[in-house]
Amino acid sequence: MATYDGAGNPREHILNYKTLMELQTLSDALVCKVFPTMLTGLARAWFNSLEAGSIKSFEDLANIFISWFIARVPVEKNTSYLETVRQRKNESLREYVAYFNTKALQISELDESRAVEAMQTGTTSSEFFGSLCRKPLP
């Protein structure tokens, strides 16, 4: 199992850790004591900063851990996010399309027609805008 350094989804780390520990059928106290061995960097520093005796159970530890690190989880973006992607003043069309595509790839359930509309709205190239209007999606 991979260690957790403070980046990524803390819920996923807890689920993976619990699954691993359930295979060992360890006591709750031992599960708490082994937990810091699966942490590195910022996450280990956070754990070391906990006040001695402040954790009563693994459930308690998991809830505190998730609460502390959940703010680092990126928010899932939807297609409407692409409406904020605009071609900058000195940005070439090629650069704009490449940047737009990297943002579109971050969206798990992309609505292609809305993405095309967002790209049309975001570009300053009238020729490109016109070509998008003439070529409907299949």
N, C-alpha and C. Protein backbone atom coordinates (compact mmCIF):
# COMPACT_ATOMS: atom_id res chain seq x y z
N MET A 1 0.84 -1.18 0.00
CA MET A 1 0.00 0.00 0.00
C MET A 1 0.89 1.24 0.00
N ALA A 2 0.48 2.24 -0.77
CA ALA A 2 1.23 3.48 -0.86
C ALA A 2 1.06 4.32 0.41
N THR A 3 2.10 5.05 0.74
CA THR A 3 2.00 5.97 1.87
C THR A 3 1.26 7.22 1.44
N TYR A 4 0.78 7.98 2.41
CA TYR A 4 0.03 9.20 2.15
C TYR A 4 0.88 10.38 2.61
N ASP A 5 1.05 11.38 1.71
CA ASP A 5 1.90 12.52 2.03
C ASP A 5 1.13 13.82 2.21
N GLY A 6 -0.18 13.74 2.25
CA GLY A 6 -0.99 14.95 2.40
C GLY A 6 -1.64 15.37 1.10
N ALA A 7 -1.22 14.78 -0.01
CA ALA A 7 -1.84 15.08 -1.31
C ALA A 7 -2.77 13.92 -1.67
N GLY A 8 -3.78 14.21 -2.42
CA GLY A 8 -4.72 13.16 -2.81
C GLY A 8 -5.90 13.09 -1.86
N ASN A 9 -6.69 12.07 -2.06
CA ASN A 9 -7.94 11.93 -1.33
C ASN A 9 -7.71 11.18 -0.01
N PRO A 10 -7.91 11.84 1.14
CA PRO A 10 -7.69 11.16 2.41
C PRO A 10 -8.70 10.04 2.67
N ARG A 11 -9.92 10.17 2.15
CA ARG A 11 -10.91 9.11 2.31
C ARG A 11 -10.44 7.82 1.65
N GLU A 12 -9.87 7.96 0.47
CA GLU A 12 -9.36 6.80 -0.26
C GLU A 12 -8.23 6.13 0.52
N HIS A 13 -7.35 6.94 1.11
CA HIS A 13 -6.25 6.38 1.90
C HIS A 13 -6.80 5.62 3.10
N ILE A 14 -7.76 6.18 3.79
CA ILE A 14 -8.37 5.52 4.95
C ILE A 14 -9.01 4.19 4.53
N LEU A 15 -9.76 4.20 3.42
CA LEU A 15 -10.40 2.97 2.96
C LEU A 15 -9.37 1.90 2.62
N ASN A 16 -8.30 2.28 1.94
CA ASN A 16 -7.25 1.33 1.60
C ASN A 16 -6.57 0.79 2.85
N TYR A 17 -6.31 1.67 3.80
CA TYR A 17 -5.66 1.27 5.04
C TYR A 17 -6.56 0.32 5.84
N LYS A 18 -7.84 0.66 5.95
CA LYS A 18 -8.77 -0.20 6.69
C LYS A 18 -8.85 -1.58 6.05
N THR A 19 -8.88 -1.63 4.73
CA THR A 19 -8.92 -2.92 4.03
C THR A 19 -7.68 -3.74 4.35
N LEU A 20 -6.53 -3.10 4.30
CA LEU A 20 -5.27 -3.79 4.61
C LEU A 20 -5.27 -4.29 6.05
N MET A 21 -5.72 -3.47 6.98
CA MET A 21 -5.71 -3.85 8.40
C MET A 21 -6.74 -4.92 8.71
N GLU A 22 -7.87 -4.92 8.02
CA GLU A 22 -8.88 -5.95 8.24
C GLU A 22 -8.36 -7.32 7.84
N LEU A 23 -7.46 -7.37 6.88
CA LEU A 23 -6.84 -8.64 6.49
C LEU A 23 -5.99 -9.19 7.63
N GLN A 24 -5.45 -8.29 8.46
CA GLN A 24 -4.59 -8.68 9.57
C GLN A 24 -5.37 -8.98 10.85
N THR A 25 -6.65 -8.61 10.88
CA THR A 25 -7.52 -8.73 12.06
C THR A 25 -6.83 -8.23 13.33
N LEU A 26 -6.34 -7.02 13.26
CA LEU A 26 -5.65 -6.41 14.40
C LEU A 26 -6.64 -5.66 15.28
N SER A 27 -6.24 -5.43 16.52
CA SER A 27 -7.07 -4.66 17.44
C SER A 27 -7.13 -3.20 17.00
N ASP A 28 -8.15 -2.51 17.44
CA ASP A 28 -8.32 -1.10 17.10
C ASP A 28 -7.11 -0.28 17.55
N ALA A 29 -6.59 -0.58 18.74
CA ALA A 29 -5.43 0.15 19.27
C ALA A 29 -4.21 -0.07 18.39
N LEU A 30 -4.01 -1.30 17.92
CA LEU A 30 -2.86 -1.60 17.07
C LEU A 30 -3.02 -0.94 15.69
N VAL A 31 -4.24 -0.90 15.18
CA VAL A 31 -4.50 -0.24 13.90
C VAL A 31 -4.12 1.24 14.01
N CYS A 32 -4.43 1.86 15.15
CA CYS A 32 -4.05 3.27 15.37
C CYS A 32 -2.54 3.43 15.44
N LYS A 33 -1.86 2.50 16.11
CA LYS A 33 -0.41 2.59 16.26
C LYS A 33 0.34 2.36 14.96
N VAL A 34 -0.21 1.54 14.07
CA VAL A 34 0.45 1.25 12.79
C VAL A 34 0.19 2.36 11.78
N PHE A 35 -0.90 3.09 11.93
CA PHE A 35 -1.31 4.11 10.96
C PHE A 35 -0.20 5.09 10.56
N PRO A 36 0.57 5.65 11.50
CA PRO A 36 1.60 6.62 11.07
C PRO A 36 2.69 6.03 10.18
N THR A 37 2.83 4.70 10.16
CA THR A 37 3.83 4.10 9.27
C THR A 37 3.43 4.23 7.81
N MET A 38 2.16 4.56 7.58
CA MET A 38 1.66 4.73 6.21
C MET A 38 1.58 6.20 5.81
N LEU A 39 2.22 7.05 6.62
CA LEU A 39 2.22 8.50 6.35
C LEU A 39 3.64 8.98 6.11
N THR A 40 3.77 9.99 5.24
CA THR A 40 5.06 10.63 5.01
C THR A 40 4.86 12.13 4.93
N GLY A 41 5.96 12.85 4.96
CA GLY A 41 5.94 14.30 4.74
C GLY A 41 4.96 15.05 5.61
N LEU A 42 4.13 15.86 4.97
CA LEU A 42 3.16 16.71 5.65
C LEU A 42 2.19 15.90 6.50
N ALA A 43 1.77 14.76 6.00
CA ALA A 43 0.82 13.92 6.75
C ALA A 43 1.47 13.37 8.02
N ARG A 44 2.72 12.97 7.94
CA ARG A 44 3.42 12.47 9.13
C ARG A 44 3.61 13.60 10.14
N ALA A 45 3.95 14.78 9.64
CA ALA A 45 4.11 15.94 10.53
C ALA A 45 2.79 16.25 11.24
N TRP A 46 1.69 16.17 10.50
CA TRP A 46 0.37 16.39 11.11
C TRP A 46 0.13 15.38 12.22
N PHE A 47 0.38 14.11 11.94
CA PHE A 47 0.14 13.06 12.93
C PHE A 47 0.99 13.30 14.18
N ASN A 48 2.24 13.65 13.97
CA ASN A 48 3.15 13.89 15.10
C ASN A 48 2.73 15.09 15.93
N SER A 49 1.94 15.99 15.34
CA SER A 49 1.50 17.17 16.09
C SER A 49 0.25 16.90 16.94
N LEU A 50 -0.34 15.72 16.80
CA LEU A 50 -1.53 15.40 17.59
C LEU A 50 -1.14 15.29 19.07
N GLU A 51 -2.02 15.77 19.89
CA GLU A 51 -1.77 15.72 21.34
C GLU A 51 -1.86 14.27 21.82
N ALA A 52 -0.92 13.86 22.64
CA ALA A 52 -0.93 12.49 23.18
C ALA A 52 -2.24 12.24 23.92
N GLY A 53 -2.85 11.09 23.65
CA GLY A 53 -4.09 10.71 24.31
C GLY A 53 -5.34 11.34 23.72
N SER A 54 -5.19 12.11 22.62
CA SER A 54 -6.35 12.79 22.03
C SER A 54 -7.17 11.87 21.12
N ILE A 55 -6.63 10.73 20.74
CA ILE A 55 -7.32 9.79 19.86
C ILE A 55 -7.85 8.62 20.70
N LYS A 56 -9.14 8.36 20.60
CA LYS A 56 -9.78 7.31 21.40
C LYS A 56 -10.00 6.01 20.62
N SER A 57 -10.08 6.11 19.28
CA SER A 57 -10.34 4.93 18.45
C SER A 57 -9.85 5.22 17.03
N PHE A 58 -9.79 4.15 16.21
CA PHE A 58 -9.40 4.39 14.83
C PHE A 58 -10.46 5.21 14.10
N GLU A 59 -11.72 5.00 14.42
CA GLU A 59 -12.79 5.80 13.80
C GLU A 59 -12.57 7.29 14.10
N ASP A 60 -12.20 7.58 15.33
CA ASP A 60 -11.89 8.95 15.75
C ASP A 60 -10.70 9.49 14.94
N LEU A 61 -9.64 8.70 14.85
CA LEU A 61 -8.45 9.09 14.10
C LEU A 61 -8.79 9.32 12.63
N ALA A 62 -9.57 8.41 12.04
CA ALA A 62 -9.94 8.53 10.63
C ALA A 62 -10.74 9.80 10.38
N ASN A 63 -11.69 10.12 11.25
CA ASN A 63 -12.51 11.33 11.08
C ASN A 63 -11.67 12.59 11.18
N ILE A 64 -10.75 12.64 12.14
CA ILE A 64 -9.87 13.80 12.30
C ILE A 64 -8.94 13.94 11.10
N PHE A 65 -8.39 12.82 10.66
CA PHE A 65 -7.50 12.79 9.50
C PHE A 65 -8.21 13.31 8.25
N ILE A 66 -9.39 12.78 7.98
CA ILE A 66 -10.15 13.19 6.79
C ILE A 66 -10.51 14.67 6.89
N SER A 67 -10.96 15.12 8.04
CA SER A 67 -11.33 16.53 8.22
C SER A 67 -10.15 17.45 7.95
N TRP A 68 -8.96 17.03 8.37
CA TRP A 68 -7.77 17.87 8.20
C TRP A 68 -7.33 17.94 6.73
N PHE A 69 -7.38 16.82 6.03
CA PHE A 69 -6.82 16.76 4.67
C PHE A 69 -7.85 16.89 3.55
N ILE A 70 -9.12 16.92 3.85
CA ILE A 70 -10.15 16.95 2.80
C ILE A 70 -10.09 18.22 1.97
N ALA A 71 -9.63 19.31 2.55
CA ALA A 71 -9.55 20.57 1.80
C ALA A 71 -8.55 20.49 0.65
N ARG A 72 -7.65 19.52 0.70
CA ARG A 72 -6.64 19.36 -0.36
C ARG A 72 -7.15 18.57 -1.56
N VAL A 73 -8.35 17.99 -1.44
CA VAL A 73 -8.91 17.20 -2.53
C VAL A 73 -9.46 18.15 -3.59
N PRO A 74 -9.02 18.02 -4.83
CA PRO A 74 -9.54 18.90 -5.88
C PRO A 74 -11.04 18.69 -6.09
N VAL A 75 -11.72 19.79 -6.32
CA VAL A 75 -13.16 19.74 -6.56
C VAL A 75 -13.41 19.18 -7.95
N GLU A 76 -14.36 18.26 -8.05
CA GLU A 76 -14.71 17.68 -9.35
C GLU A 76 -15.32 18.77 -10.22
N LYS A 77 -14.81 18.91 -11.42
CA LYS A 77 -15.29 19.95 -12.33
C LYS A 77 -16.31 19.35 -13.29
N ASN A 78 -17.26 20.20 -13.70
CA ASN A 78 -18.23 19.76 -14.71
C ASN A 78 -18.05 20.62 -15.96
N THR A 79 -18.83 20.33 -16.97
CA THR A 79 -18.66 21.00 -18.26
C THR A 79 -18.80 22.51 -18.16
N SER A 80 -19.62 23.02 -17.26
CA SER A 80 -19.78 24.48 -17.15
C SER A 80 -18.48 25.16 -16.76
N TYR A 81 -17.54 24.43 -16.16
CA TYR A 81 -16.24 25.01 -15.83
C TYR A 81 -15.53 25.53 -17.08
N LEU A 82 -15.74 24.86 -18.22
CA LEU A 82 -15.07 25.26 -19.45
C LEU A 82 -15.49 26.65 -19.92
N GLU A 83 -16.63 27.13 -19.45
CA GLU A 83 -17.08 28.48 -19.81
C GLU A 83 -16.16 29.55 -19.25
N THR A 84 -15.32 29.19 -18.30
CA THR A 84 -14.37 30.16 -17.72
C THR A 84 -13.05 30.18 -18.47
N VAL A 85 -12.84 29.24 -19.39
CA VAL A 85 -11.59 29.16 -20.14
C VAL A 85 -11.68 30.10 -21.33
N ARG A 86 -10.84 31.11 -21.33
CA ARG A 86 -10.84 32.14 -22.38
C ARG A 86 -9.48 32.24 -23.04
N GLN A 87 -9.49 32.55 -24.32
CA GLN A 87 -8.25 32.78 -25.04
C GLN A 87 -7.71 34.14 -24.61
N ARG A 88 -6.46 34.16 -24.16
CA ARG A 88 -5.85 35.41 -23.70
C ARG A 88 -5.41 36.26 -24.89
N LYS A 89 -5.16 37.50 -24.61
CA LYS A 89 -4.86 38.49 -25.65
C LYS A 89 -3.74 38.05 -26.61
N ASN A 90 -2.61 37.63 -26.11
CA ASN A 90 -1.48 37.26 -26.97
C ASN A 90 -1.31 35.75 -27.11
N GLU A 91 -2.36 35.01 -26.83
CA GLU A 91 -2.30 33.55 -26.91
C GLU A 91 -2.71 33.11 -28.32
N SER A 92 -1.89 32.24 -28.92
CA SER A 92 -2.23 31.75 -30.26
C SER A 92 -3.42 30.80 -30.16
N LEU A 93 -4.06 30.59 -31.29
CA LEU A 93 -5.18 29.67 -31.34
C LEU A 93 -4.72 28.26 -30.93
N ARG A 94 -3.57 27.84 -31.38
CA ARG A 94 -3.02 26.53 -31.04
C ARG A 94 -2.83 26.41 -29.52
N GLU A 95 -2.29 27.44 -28.90
CA GLU A 95 -2.08 27.42 -27.44
C GLU A 95 -3.42 27.37 -26.71
N TYR A 96 -4.38 28.15 -27.19
CA TYR A 96 -5.70 28.17 -26.56
C TYR A 96 -6.37 26.81 -26.64
N VAL A 97 -6.35 26.19 -27.81
CA VAL A 97 -6.99 24.89 -27.99
C VAL A 97 -6.29 23.84 -27.12
N ALA A 98 -4.97 23.88 -27.05
CA ALA A 98 -4.23 22.92 -26.21
C ALA A 98 -4.61 23.10 -24.74
N TYR A 99 -4.67 24.34 -24.28
CA TYR A 99 -5.04 24.62 -22.88
C TYR A 99 -6.48 24.20 -22.62
N PHE A 100 -7.37 24.52 -23.54
CA PHE A 100 -8.78 24.15 -23.41
C PHE A 100 -8.91 22.63 -23.29
N ASN A 101 -8.18 21.92 -24.13
CA ASN A 101 -8.24 20.45 -24.11
C ASN A 101 -7.74 19.87 -22.79
N THR A 102 -6.68 20.46 -22.21
CA THR A 102 -6.19 19.95 -20.93
C THR A 102 -7.25 20.14 -19.85
N LYS A 103 -7.98 21.23 -19.92
CA LYS A 103 -9.06 21.47 -18.94
C LYS A 103 -10.24 20.52 -19.20
N ALA A 104 -10.56 20.28 -20.46
CA ALA A 104 -11.68 19.40 -20.79
C ALA A 104 -11.38 17.96 -20.35
N LEU A 105 -10.12 17.54 -20.42
CA LEU A 105 -9.76 16.18 -20.01
C LEU A 105 -9.92 15.96 -18.51
N GLN A 106 -10.03 17.02 -17.73
CA GLN A 106 -10.21 16.91 -16.28
C GLN A 106 -11.67 16.65 -15.90
N ILE A 107 -12.55 16.66 -16.88
CA ILE A 107 -13.98 16.51 -16.62
C ILE A 107 -14.40 15.09 -16.98
N SER A 108 -14.88 14.35 -15.97
CA SER A 108 -15.20 12.94 -16.19
C SER A 108 -16.44 12.73 -17.05
N GLU A 109 -17.44 13.57 -16.89
CA GLU A 109 -18.68 13.41 -17.69
C GLU A 109 -18.86 14.66 -18.56
N LEU A 110 -18.04 14.73 -19.60
CA LEU A 110 -18.03 15.89 -20.49
C LEU A 110 -19.23 15.88 -21.43
N ASP A 111 -19.94 16.99 -21.46
CA ASP A 111 -21.03 17.19 -22.41
C ASP A 111 -20.39 17.86 -23.63
N GLU A 112 -20.21 17.09 -24.71
CA GLU A 112 -19.45 17.59 -25.86
C GLU A 112 -20.07 18.81 -26.50
N SER A 113 -21.39 18.87 -26.62
CA SER A 113 -22.01 20.03 -27.26
C SER A 113 -21.80 21.28 -26.42
N ARG A 114 -21.88 21.15 -25.10
CA ARG A 114 -21.62 22.31 -24.24
C ARG A 114 -20.15 22.70 -24.27
N ALA A 115 -19.26 21.71 -24.42
CA ALA A 115 -17.83 21.99 -24.52
C ALA A 115 -17.53 22.78 -25.78
N VAL A 116 -18.16 22.42 -26.90
CA VAL A 116 -17.97 23.15 -28.16
C VAL A 116 -18.48 24.58 -28.00
N GLU A 117 -19.62 24.74 -27.37
CA GLU A 117 -20.16 26.09 -27.12
C GLU A 117 -19.20 26.91 -26.26
N ALA A 118 -18.63 26.28 -25.24
CA ALA A 118 -17.69 26.97 -24.37
C ALA A 118 -16.43 27.37 -25.14
N MET A 119 -15.98 26.49 -26.02
CA MET A 119 -14.80 26.81 -26.82
C MET A 119 -15.10 27.97 -27.77
N GLN A 120 -16.29 27.97 -28.36
CA GLN A 120 -16.69 29.06 -29.26
C GLN A 120 -16.71 30.38 -28.51
N THR A 121 -17.27 30.36 -27.34
CA THR A 121 -17.38 31.57 -26.53
C THR A 121 -16.01 32.06 -26.08
N GLY A 122 -15.11 31.12 -25.78
CA GLY A 122 -13.81 31.47 -25.22
C GLY A 122 -12.77 31.93 -26.22
N THR A 123 -12.97 31.69 -27.50
CA THR A 123 -11.96 32.06 -28.48
C THR A 123 -12.16 33.48 -29.00
N THR A 124 -11.06 34.10 -29.36
CA THR A 124 -11.11 35.42 -29.98
C THR A 124 -10.92 35.33 -31.49
N SER A 125 -10.75 34.11 -31.99
CA SER A 125 -10.53 33.89 -33.42
C SER A 125 -11.87 33.75 -34.12
N SER A 126 -12.23 34.74 -34.91
CA SER A 126 -13.52 34.69 -35.60
C SER A 126 -13.55 33.58 -36.64
N GLU A 127 -12.43 33.28 -37.29
CA GLU A 127 -12.38 32.20 -38.28
C GLU A 127 -12.64 30.86 -37.60
N PHE A 128 -11.98 30.62 -36.48
CA PHE A 128 -12.16 29.38 -35.75
C PHE A 128 -13.60 29.28 -35.23
N PHE A 129 -14.10 30.36 -34.71
CA PHE A 129 -15.48 30.40 -34.21
C PHE A 129 -16.44 30.02 -35.33
N GLY A 130 -16.23 30.58 -36.50
CA GLY A 130 -17.10 30.29 -37.64
C GLY A 130 -17.02 28.84 -38.07
N SER A 131 -15.80 28.27 -38.06
CA SER A 131 -15.65 26.87 -38.47
C SER A 131 -16.33 25.93 -37.47
N LEU A 132 -16.34 26.27 -36.20
CA LEU A 132 -17.03 25.46 -35.21
C LEU A 132 -18.55 25.51 -35.43
N CYS A 133 -19.02 26.66 -35.84
CA CYS A 133 -20.45 26.82 -36.09
C CYS A 133 -20.91 26.00 -37.30
N ARG A 134 -20.06 25.87 -38.31
CA ARG A 134 -20.42 25.16 -39.54
C ARG A 134 -20.34 23.64 -39.40
N LYS A 135 -19.56 23.13 -38.43
CA LYS A 135 -19.34 21.69 -38.31
C LYS A 135 -20.05 21.16 -37.06
N PRO A 136 -21.30 20.69 -37.26
CA PRO A 136 -22.03 20.15 -36.10
C PRO A 136 -21.41 18.83 -35.63
N LEU A 137 -21.63 18.52 -34.39
CA LEU A 137 -21.13 17.25 -33.83
C LEU A 137 -21.85 16.08 -34.48
N PRO A 138 -21.16 14.94 -34.62
CA PRO A 138 -21.80 13.75 -35.22
C PRO A 138 -22.88 13.20 -34.32
